[in-house]
Amino acid sequence: MKFLFDLFPVLLFFVAFKLSDIFVATAVAVAATVLQVGYLLARGRKVDPALWVSLAVVVVFGGATLLLHDRTFIKWKPTILYWVFAGALLGGQMLFRRNLLRSFLGHQMELPDSAWAALVWAWSGFFAVMGALNLVIAYNFSDDTWVNFKLFGGIGLMLLFVLGQGVFLAKYLPQKDS
Protein backbone atom coordinates (compact mmCIF):
# COMPACT_ATOMS: atom_id res chain seq x y z
CA MET A 1 0.00 0.00 0.00
CA LYS A 2 2.88 2.35 0.79
CA PHE A 3 4.21 1.77 -2.73
CA LEU A 4 0.94 3.08 -4.24
CA PHE A 5 0.89 5.98 -1.80
CA ASP A 6 4.44 6.90 -2.85
CA LEU A 7 3.44 6.69 -6.53
CA PHE A 8 0.36 8.88 -6.07
CA PRO A 9 1.91 12.14 -7.44
CA VAL A 10 3.59 10.33 -10.36
CA LEU A 11 0.34 8.60 -11.33
CA LEU A 12 -1.59 11.87 -11.16
CA PHE A 13 1.14 13.60 -13.19
CA PHE A 14 0.81 10.89 -15.84
CA VAL A 15 -3.00 11.12 -16.00
CA ALA A 16 -2.99 14.94 -16.05
CA PHE A 17 -0.40 14.95 -18.84
CA LYS A 18 -2.45 12.53 -20.93
CA LEU A 19 -5.60 14.63 -20.38
CA SER A 20 -4.00 18.05 -20.81
CA ASP A 21 -0.35 19.11 -21.04
CA ILE A 22 2.91 19.14 -19.14
CA PHE A 23 2.11 22.38 -17.32
CA VAL A 24 -1.20 21.15 -15.94
CA ALA A 25 0.49 17.86 -15.06
CA THR A 26 3.23 19.76 -13.23
CA ALA A 27 0.69 21.73 -11.19
CA VAL A 28 -1.10 18.48 -10.35
CA ALA A 29 2.18 16.81 -9.26
CA VAL A 30 3.10 19.75 -7.02
CA ALA A 31 -0.37 19.82 -5.45
CA ALA A 32 -0.44 16.04 -5.02
CA THR A 33 2.94 15.99 -3.29
CA VAL A 34 1.94 18.83 -0.96
CA LEU A 35 -1.31 16.99 -0.18
CA GLN A 36 0.59 13.76 0.37
CA VAL A 37 2.85 15.35 2.99
CA GLY A 38 -0.08 17.27 4.49
CA TYR A 39 -2.08 14.07 4.83
CA LEU A 40 0.75 12.33 6.69
CA LEU A 41 1.25 15.30 9.01
CA ALA A 42 -2.50 15.61 9.68
CA ARG A 43 -2.62 11.91 10.60
CA GLY A 44 0.31 12.35 12.97
CA ARG A 45 2.54 10.09 10.90
CA LYS A 46 6.24 10.46 10.28
CA VAL A 47 7.21 11.88 6.90
CA ASP A 48 10.19 9.96 5.49
CA PRO A 49 13.27 12.07 4.73
CA ALA A 50 13.02 10.95 1.08
CA LEU A 51 9.50 12.41 0.86
CA TRP A 52 10.68 15.72 2.35
CA VAL A 53 13.42 15.86 -0.29
CA SER A 54 10.91 14.94 -3.00
CA LEU A 55 8.55 17.68 -1.80
CA ALA A 56 11.32 20.29 -1.90
CA VAL A 57 12.50 19.24 -5.37
CA VAL A 58 9.01 19.07 -6.87
CA VAL A 59 8.02 22.45 -5.41
CA VAL A 60 11.22 24.15 -6.61
CA PHE A 61 11.42 22.56 -10.06
CA GLY A 62 7.67 22.36 -10.58
CA GLY A 63 7.32 25.96 -9.44
CA ALA A 64 10.06 27.07 -11.85
CA THR A 65 8.33 25.17 -14.66
CA LEU A 66 5.03 26.93 -13.96
CA LEU A 67 6.43 30.40 -13.26
CA LEU A 68 8.74 30.46 -16.27
CA HIS A 69 6.51 28.29 -18.46
CA ASP A 70 9.57 26.16 -19.26
CA ARG A 71 9.22 22.38 -19.26
CA THR A 72 12.98 21.93 -18.83
CA PHE A 73 12.74 22.32 -15.06
CA ILE A 74 10.20 19.55 -14.49
CA LYS A 75 12.21 17.27 -16.77
CA TRP A 76 15.24 17.81 -14.55
CA LYS A 77 13.27 17.01 -11.36
CA PRO A 78 13.69 13.20 -11.49
CA THR A 79 17.39 13.56 -12.25
CA ILE A 80 17.95 15.94 -9.34
CA LEU A 81 16.01 13.63 -7.03
CA TYR A 82 17.95 10.54 -8.15
CA TRP A 83 21.28 12.35 -7.84
CA VAL A 84 20.42 13.72 -4.39
CA PHE A 85 19.69 10.16 -3.23
CA ALA A 86 22.92 8.86 -4.80
CA GLY A 87 24.88 11.72 -3.26
CA ALA A 88 23.32 11.21 0.16
CA LEU A 89 24.17 7.50 0.15
CA LEU A 90 27.72 8.05 -1.04
CA GLY A 91 28.27 11.11 1.13
CA GLY A 92 27.04 9.29 4.20
CA GLN A 93 29.37 6.40 3.48
CA MET A 94 32.47 8.26 2.36
CA LEU A 95 32.37 11.49 4.35
CA PHE A 96 30.69 10.43 7.58
CA ARG A 97 31.43 6.69 7.60
CA ARG A 98 27.71 6.11 8.07
CA ASN A 99 25.80 3.62 5.96
CA LEU A 100 22.41 5.25 5.48
CA LEU A 101 20.84 2.08 4.12
CA ARG A 102 21.86 0.25 7.27
CA SER A 103 20.45 3.11 9.34
CA PHE A 104 17.08 2.82 7.59
CA LEU A 105 16.90 -0.94 7.08
CA GLY A 106 19.18 -2.43 9.72
CA HIS A 107 16.27 -3.19 12.04
CA GLN A 108 14.65 -5.28 9.29
CA MET A 109 17.61 -7.49 8.34
CA GLU A 110 21.03 -8.48 9.56
CA LEU A 111 23.83 -8.31 7.03
CA PRO A 112 27.60 -8.29 7.25
CA ASP A 113 29.36 -4.95 6.80
CA SER A 114 30.56 -5.97 3.33
CA ALA A 115 26.97 -6.57 2.17
CA TRP A 116 25.80 -3.20 3.52
CA ALA A 117 28.70 -1.52 1.73
CA ALA A 118 27.88 -3.33 -1.52
CA LEU A 119 24.24 -2.22 -1.22
CA VAL A 120 25.24 1.43 -0.79
CA TRP A 121 27.44 1.29 -3.88
CA ALA A 122 24.80 -0.56 -5.90
CA TRP A 123 21.99 1.83 -4.96
CA SER A 124 24.18 4.89 -5.49
CA GLY A 125 25.14 3.63 -8.93
CA PHE A 126 21.55 2.79 -9.77
CA PHE A 127 20.36 6.28 -8.79
CA ALA A 128 23.21 7.93 -10.71
CA VAL A 129 22.42 5.93 -13.86
CA MET A 130 18.68 6.59 -13.53
CA GLY A 131 19.36 10.32 -13.29
CA ALA A 132 21.48 10.26 -16.42
CA LEU A 133 18.98 8.05 -18.25
CA ASN A 134 16.20 10.50 -17.41
CA LEU A 135 18.16 13.29 -19.10
CA VAL A 136 18.85 11.16 -22.18
CA ILE A 137 15.12 10.45 -22.55
CA ALA A 138 14.09 14.03 -21.71
CA TYR A 139 16.39 15.63 -24.28
CA ASN A 140 16.23 13.11 -27.10
CA PHE A 141 12.57 12.07 -27.16
CA SER A 142 9.14 13.68 -27.11
CA ASP A 143 7.41 14.83 -23.93
CA ASP A 144 5.01 11.92 -24.33
CA THR A 145 7.86 9.39 -24.44
CA TRP A 146 9.53 11.04 -21.45
CA VAL A 147 6.30 10.93 -19.39
CA ASN A 148 5.75 7.26 -20.31
CA PHE A 149 9.35 6.48 -19.33
CA LYS A 150 8.96 8.42 -16.07
CA LEU A 151 6.12 6.13 -15.03
CA PHE A 152 6.63 2.78 -16.74
CA GLY A 153 10.35 2.79 -17.47
CA GLY A 154 11.35 4.15 -14.09
CA ILE A 155 9.13 1.77 -12.17
CA GLY A 156 10.12 -1.17 -14.38
CA LEU A 157 13.84 -0.53 -13.97
CA MET A 158 13.41 -0.04 -10.23
CA LEU A 159 11.53 -3.32 -9.97
CA LEU A 160 14.25 -5.17 -11.91
CA PHE A 161 16.93 -3.61 -9.75
CA VAL A 162 15.10 -4.53 -6.53
CA LEU A 163 14.71 -8.10 -7.77
CA GLY A 164 18.44 -8.19 -8.49
CA GLN A 165 19.12 -6.92 -4.99
CA GLY A 166 16.87 -9.68 -3.66
CA VAL A 167 19.00 -12.27 -5.44
CA PHE A 168 22.12 -10.67 -3.96
CA LEU A 169 20.63 -10.62 -0.45
CA ALA A 170 19.28 -14.20 -0.61
CA LYS A 171 22.66 -15.66 0.31
CA TYR A 172 22.55 -13.71 3.60
CA LEU A 173 19.08 -14.85 4.68
CA PRO A 174 18.88 -17.46 7.39
CA GLN A 175 18.43 -20.97 5.98
CA LYS A 176 15.68 -23.21 7.36
CA ASP A 177 16.73 -26.70 8.37
CA SER A 178 14.91 -29.44 6.48
C-alpha atoms as a PDB file:
ATOM      1  CA  MET A   1       0.000   0.000   0.000  1.00  0.00           C
ATOM      2  CA  LYS A   2       2.882   2.353   0.790  1.00  0.00           C
ATOM      3  CA  PHE A   3       4.211   1.769  -2.730  1.00  0.00           C
ATOM      4  CA  LEU A   4       0.943   3.081  -4.241  1.00  0.00           C
ATOM      5  CA  PHE A   5       0.894   5.982  -1.796  1.00  0.00           C
ATOM      6  CA  ASP A   6       4.442   6.903  -2.853  1.00  0.00           C
ATOM      7  CA  LEU A   7       3.442   6.695  -6.531  1.00  0.00           C
ATOM      8  CA  PHE A   8       0.365   8.881  -6.067  1.00  0.00           C
ATOM      9  CA  PRO A   9       1.910  12.136  -7.443  1.00  0.00           C
ATOM     10  CA  VAL A  10       3.585  10.327 -10.362  1.00  0.00           C
ATOM     11  CA  LEU A  11       0.336   8.602 -11.332  1.00  0.00           C
ATOM     12  CA  LEU A  12      -1.586  11.868 -11.157  1.00  0.00           C
ATOM     13  CA  PHE A  13       1.140  13.602 -13.190  1.00  0.00           C
ATOM     14  CA  PHE A  14       0.808  10.892 -15.838  1.00  0.00           C
ATOM     15  CA  VAL A  15      -3.002  11.121 -15.997  1.00  0.00           C
ATOM     16  CA  ALA A  16      -2.994  14.938 -16.054  1.00  0.00           C
ATOM     17  CA  PHE A  17      -0.402  14.955 -18.835  1.00  0.00           C
ATOM     18  CA  LYS A  18      -2.454  12.528 -20.927  1.00  0.00           C
ATOM     19  CA  LEU A  19      -5.597  14.627 -20.385  1.00  0.00           C
ATOM     20  CA  SER A  20      -4.002  18.052 -20.815  1.00  0.00           C
ATOM     21  CA  ASP A  21      -0.353  19.111 -21.040  1.00  0.00           C
ATOM     22  CA  ILE A  22       2.908  19.137 -19.137  1.00  0.00           C
ATOM     23  CA  PHE A  23       2.109  22.381 -17.322  1.00  0.00           C
ATOM     24  CA  VAL A  24      -1.205  21.149 -15.937  1.00  0.00           C
ATOM     25  CA  ALA A  25       0.491  17.862 -15.060  1.00  0.00           C
ATOM     26  CA  THR A  26       3.230  19.757 -13.229  1.00  0.00           C
ATOM     27  CA  ALA A  27       0.693  21.734 -11.189  1.00  0.00           C
ATOM     28  CA  VAL A  28      -1.099  18.482 -10.346  1.00  0.00           C
ATOM     29  CA  ALA A  29       2.176  16.813  -9.255  1.00  0.00           C
ATOM     30  CA  VAL A  30       3.097  19.752  -7.019  1.00  0.00           C
ATOM     31  CA  ALA A  31      -0.373  19.824  -5.453  1.00  0.00           C
ATOM     32  CA  ALA A  32      -0.443  16.035  -5.022  1.00  0.00           C
ATOM     33  CA  THR A  33       2.943  15.989  -3.289  1.00  0.00           C
ATOM     34  CA  VAL A  34       1.944  18.831  -0.964  1.00  0.00           C
ATOM     35  CA  LEU A  35      -1.308  16.992  -0.184  1.00  0.00           C
ATOM     36  CA  GLN A  36       0.590  13.756   0.374  1.00  0.00           C
ATOM     37  CA  VAL A  37       2.852  15.347   2.988  1.00  0.00           C
ATOM     38  CA  GLY A  38      -0.075  17.265   4.494  1.00  0.00           C
ATOM     39  CA  TYR A  39      -2.079  14.066   4.834  1.00  0.00           C
ATOM     40  CA  LEU A  40       0.754  12.335   6.685  1.00  0.00           C
ATOM     41  CA  LEU A  41       1.247  15.296   9.007  1.00  0.00           C
ATOM     42  CA  ALA A  42      -2.495  15.611   9.681  1.00  0.00           C
ATOM     43  CA  ARG A  43      -2.625  11.911  10.601  1.00  0.00           C
ATOM     44  CA  GLY A  44       0.314  12.352  12.970  1.00  0.00           C
ATOM     45  CA  ARG A  45       2.536  10.089  10.903  1.00  0.00           C
ATOM     46  CA  LYS A  46       6.242  10.461  10.277  1.00  0.00           C
ATOM     47  CA  VAL A  47       7.207  11.882   6.896  1.00  0.00           C
ATOM     48  CA  ASP A  48      10.191   9.961   5.494  1.00  0.00           C
ATOM     49  CA  PRO A  49      13.269  12.072   4.727  1.00  0.00           C
ATOM     50  CA  ALA A  50      13.025  10.951   1.079  1.00  0.00           C
ATOM     51  CA  LEU A  51       9.501  12.407   0.864  1.00  0.00           C
ATOM     52  CA  TRP A  52      10.676  15.718   2.346  1.00  0.00           C
ATOM     53  CA  VAL A  53      13.418  15.860  -0.291  1.00  0.00           C
ATOM     54  CA  SER A  54      10.909  14.943  -2.998  1.00  0.00           C
ATOM     55  CA  LEU A  55       8.552  17.682  -1.803  1.00  0.00           C
ATOM     56  CA  ALA A  56      11.322  20.287  -1.904  1.00  0.00           C
ATOM     57  CA  VAL A  57      12.502  19.245  -5.365  1.00  0.00           C
ATOM     58  CA  VAL A  58       9.010  19.069  -6.872  1.00  0.00           C
ATOM     59  CA  VAL A  59       8.020  22.451  -5.409  1.00  0.00           C
ATOM     60  CA  VAL A  60      11.220  24.146  -6.611  1.00  0.00           C
ATOM     61  CA  PHE A  61      11.424  22.558 -10.062  1.00  0.00           C
ATOM     62  CA  GLY A  62       7.665  22.364 -10.577  1.00  0.00           C
ATOM     63  CA  GLY A  63       7.319  25.959  -9.440  1.00  0.00           C
ATOM     64  CA  ALA A  64      10.055  27.071 -11.849  1.00  0.00           C
ATOM     65  CA  THR A  65       8.328  25.172 -14.657  1.00  0.00           C
ATOM     66  CA  LEU A  66       5.029  26.929 -13.964  1.00  0.00           C
ATOM     67  CA  LEU A  67       6.427  30.403 -13.261  1.00  0.00           C
ATOM     68  CA  LEU A  68       8.743  30.459 -16.273  1.00  0.00           C
ATOM     69  CA  HIS A  69       6.514  28.291 -18.460  1.00  0.00           C
ATOM     70  CA  ASP A  70       9.566  26.163 -19.262  1.00  0.00           C
ATOM     71  CA  ARG A  71       9.219  22.379 -19.260  1.00  0.00           C
ATOM     72  CA  THR A  72      12.975  21.929 -18.830  1.00  0.00           C
ATOM     73  CA  PHE A  73      12.742  22.319 -15.059  1.00  0.00           C
ATOM     74  CA  ILE A  74      10.202  19.552 -14.493  1.00  0.00           C
ATOM     75  CA  LYS A  75      12.205  17.274 -16.769  1.00  0.00           C
ATOM     76  CA  TRP A  76      15.243  17.812 -14.547  1.00  0.00           C
ATOM     77  CA  LYS A  77      13.273  17.013 -11.363  1.00  0.00           C
ATOM     78  CA  PRO A  78      13.687  13.198 -11.486  1.00  0.00           C
ATOM     79  CA  THR A  79      17.390  13.559 -12.251  1.00  0.00           C
ATOM     80  CA  ILE A  80      17.951  15.938  -9.344  1.00  0.00           C
ATOM     81  CA  LEU A  81      16.012  13.628  -7.030  1.00  0.00           C
ATOM     82  CA  TYR A  82      17.954  10.544  -8.154  1.00  0.00           C
ATOM     83  CA  TRP A  83      21.284  12.350  -7.835  1.00  0.00           C
ATOM     84  CA  VAL A  84      20.416  13.720  -4.394  1.00  0.00           C
ATOM     85  CA  PHE A  85      19.693  10.160  -3.232  1.00  0.00           C
ATOM     86  CA  ALA A  86      22.920   8.855  -4.800  1.00  0.00           C
ATOM     87  CA  GLY A  87      24.880  11.716  -3.263  1.00  0.00           C
ATOM     88  CA  ALA A  88      23.325  11.206   0.163  1.00  0.00           C
ATOM     89  CA  LEU A  89      24.169   7.498   0.148  1.00  0.00           C
ATOM     90  CA  LEU A  90      27.723   8.052  -1.045  1.00  0.00           C
ATOM     91  CA  GLY A  91      28.273  11.111   1.134  1.00  0.00           C
ATOM     92  CA  GLY A  92      27.036   9.287   4.200  1.00  0.00           C
ATOM     93  CA  GLN A  93      29.372   6.397   3.485  1.00  0.00           C
ATOM     94  CA  MET A  94      32.472   8.260   2.360  1.00  0.00           C
ATOM     95  CA  LEU A  95      32.370  11.488   4.351  1.00  0.00           C
ATOM     96  CA  PHE A  96      30.690  10.427   7.576  1.00  0.00           C
ATOM     97  CA  ARG A  97      31.430   6.688   7.597  1.00  0.00           C
ATOM     98  CA  ARG A  98      27.712   6.114   8.071  1.00  0.00           C
ATOM     99  CA  ASN A  99      25.799   3.625   5.963  1.00  0.00           C
ATOM    100  CA  LEU A 100      22.410   5.252   5.480  1.00  0.00           C
ATOM    101  CA  LEU A 101      20.840   2.078   4.115  1.00  0.00           C
ATOM    102  CA  ARG A 102      21.860   0.250   7.271  1.00  0.00           C
ATOM    103  CA  SER A 103      20.448   3.110   9.337  1.00  0.00           C
ATOM    104  CA  PHE A 104      17.079   2.821   7.591  1.00  0.00           C
ATOM    105  CA  LEU A 105      16.899  -0.941   7.085  1.00  0.00           C
ATOM    106  CA  GLY A 106      19.178  -2.428   9.720  1.00  0.00           C
ATOM    107  CA  HIS A 107      16.270  -3.186  12.037  1.00  0.00           C
ATOM    108  CA  GLN A 108      14.649  -5.281   9.286  1.00  0.00           C
ATOM    109  CA  MET A 109      17.613  -7.487   8.340  1.00  0.00           C
ATOM    110  CA  GLU A 110      21.030  -8.475   9.562  1.00  0.00           C
ATOM    111  CA  LEU A 111      23.830  -8.312   7.030  1.00  0.00           C
ATOM    112  CA  PRO A 112      27.601  -8.295   7.247  1.00  0.00           C
ATOM    113  CA  ASP A 113      29.359  -4.951   6.795  1.00  0.00           C
ATOM    114  CA  SER A 114      30.558  -5.973   3.331  1.00  0.00           C
ATOM    115  CA  ALA A 115      26.974  -6.572   2.169  1.00  0.00           C
ATOM    116  CA  TRP A 116      25.802  -3.202   3.519  1.00  0.00           C
ATOM    117  CA  ALA A 117      28.700  -1.516   1.731  1.00  0.00           C
ATOM    118  CA  ALA A 118      27.879  -3.327  -1.520  1.00  0.00           C
ATOM    119  CA  LEU A 119      24.242  -2.217  -1.216  1.00  0.00           C
ATOM    120  CA  VAL A 120      25.239   1.430  -0.794  1.00  0.00           C
ATOM    121  CA  TRP A 121      27.445   1.293  -3.877  1.00  0.00           C
ATOM    122  CA  ALA A 122      24.802  -0.559  -5.901  1.00  0.00           C
ATOM    123  CA  TRP A 123      21.986   1.828  -4.964  1.00  0.00           C
ATOM    124  CA  SER A 124      24.176   4.891  -5.494  1.00  0.00           C
ATOM    125  CA  GLY A 125      25.139   3.626  -8.932  1.00  0.00           C
ATOM    126  CA  PHE A 126      21.549   2.794  -9.775  1.00  0.00           C
ATOM    127  CA  PHE A 127      20.365   6.276  -8.789  1.00  0.00           C
ATOM    128  CA  ALA A 128      23.213   7.932 -10.714  1.00  0.00           C
ATOM    129  CA  VAL A 129      22.419   5.928 -13.860  1.00  0.00           C
ATOM    130  CA  MET A 130      18.679   6.588 -13.530  1.00  0.00           C
ATOM    131  CA  GLY A 131      19.357  10.323 -13.287  1.00  0.00           C
ATOM    132  CA  ALA A 132      21.485  10.258 -16.424  1.00  0.00           C
ATOM    133  CA  LEU A 133      18.978   8.055 -18.254  1.00  0.00           C
ATOM    134  CA  ASN A 134      16.202  10.503 -17.411  1.00  0.00           C
ATOM    135  CA  LEU A 135      18.162  13.291 -19.103  1.00  0.00           C
ATOM    136  CA  VAL A 136      18.848  11.162 -22.179  1.00  0.00           C
ATOM    137  CA  ILE A 137      15.118  10.450 -22.548  1.00  0.00           C
ATOM    138  CA  ALA A 138      14.087  14.035 -21.713  1.00  0.00           C
ATOM    139  CA  TYR A 139      16.386  15.631 -24.277  1.00  0.00           C
ATOM    140  CA  ASN A 140      16.226  13.105 -27.102  1.00  0.00           C
ATOM    141  CA  PHE A 141      12.569  12.074 -27.161  1.00  0.00           C
ATOM    142  CA  SER A 142       9.145  13.680 -27.111  1.00  0.00           C
ATOM    143  CA  ASP A 143       7.412  14.830 -23.929  1.00  0.00           C
ATOM    144  CA  ASP A 144       5.010  11.920 -24.327  1.00  0.00           C
ATOM    145  CA  THR A 145       7.860   9.390 -24.443  1.00  0.00           C
ATOM    146  CA  TRP A 146       9.526  11.036 -21.448  1.00  0.00           C
ATOM    147  CA  VAL A 147       6.303  10.933 -19.387  1.00  0.00           C
ATOM    148  CA  ASN A 148       5.754   7.262 -20.306  1.00  0.00           C
ATOM    149  CA  PHE A 149       9.346   6.485 -19.328  1.00  0.00           C
ATOM    150  CA  LYS A 150       8.962   8.423 -16.075  1.00  0.00           C
ATOM    151  CA  LEU A 151       6.124   6.128 -15.029  1.00  0.00           C
ATOM    152  CA  PHE A 152       6.631   2.785 -16.741  1.00  0.00           C
ATOM    153  CA  GLY A 153      10.354   2.789 -17.473  1.00  0.00           C
ATOM    154  CA  GLY A 154      11.348   4.151 -14.093  1.00  0.00           C
ATOM    155  CA  ILE A 155       9.132   1.769 -12.170  1.00  0.00           C
ATOM    156  CA  GLY A 156      10.121  -1.171 -14.376  1.00  0.00           C
ATOM    157  CA  LEU A 157      13.843  -0.531 -13.972  1.00  0.00           C
ATOM    158  CA  MET A 158      13.409  -0.038 -10.231  1.00  0.00           C
ATOM    159  CA  LEU A 159      11.526  -3.325  -9.973  1.00  0.00           C
ATOM    160  CA  LEU A 160      14.247  -5.170 -11.913  1.00  0.00           C
ATOM    161  CA  PHE A 161      16.925  -3.608  -9.748  1.00  0.00           C
ATOM    162  CA  VAL A 162      15.097  -4.534  -6.525  1.00  0.00           C
ATOM    163  CA  LEU A 163      14.713  -8.101  -7.771  1.00  0.00           C
ATOM    164  CA  GLY A 164      18.444  -8.194  -8.486  1.00  0.00           C
ATOM    165  CA  GLN A 165      19.119  -6.919  -4.989  1.00  0.00           C
ATOM    166  CA  GLY A 166      16.871  -9.680  -3.661  1.00  0.00           C
ATOM    167  CA  VAL A 167      18.996 -12.274  -5.439  1.00  0.00           C
ATOM    168  CA  PHE A 168      22.125 -10.668  -3.959  1.00  0.00           C
ATOM    169  CA  LEU A 169      20.633 -10.622  -0.447  1.00  0.00           C
ATOM    170  CA  ALA A 170      19.285 -14.195  -0.615  1.00  0.00           C
ATOM    171  CA  LYS A 171      22.657 -15.660   0.314  1.00  0.00           C
ATOM    172  CA  TYR A 172      22.550 -13.708   3.599  1.00  0.00           C
ATOM    173  CA  LEU A 173      19.083 -14.847   4.681  1.00  0.00           C
ATOM    174  CA  PRO A 174      18.884 -17.460   7.395  1.00  0.00           C
ATOM    175  CA  GLN A 175      18.430 -20.966   5.983  1.00  0.00           C
ATOM    176  CA  LYS A 176      15.681 -23.208   7.362  1.00  0.00           C
ATOM    177  CA  ASP A 177      16.733 -26.705   8.368  1.00  0.00           C
ATOM    178  CA  SER A 178      14.909 -29.444   6.477  1.00  0.00           C
END
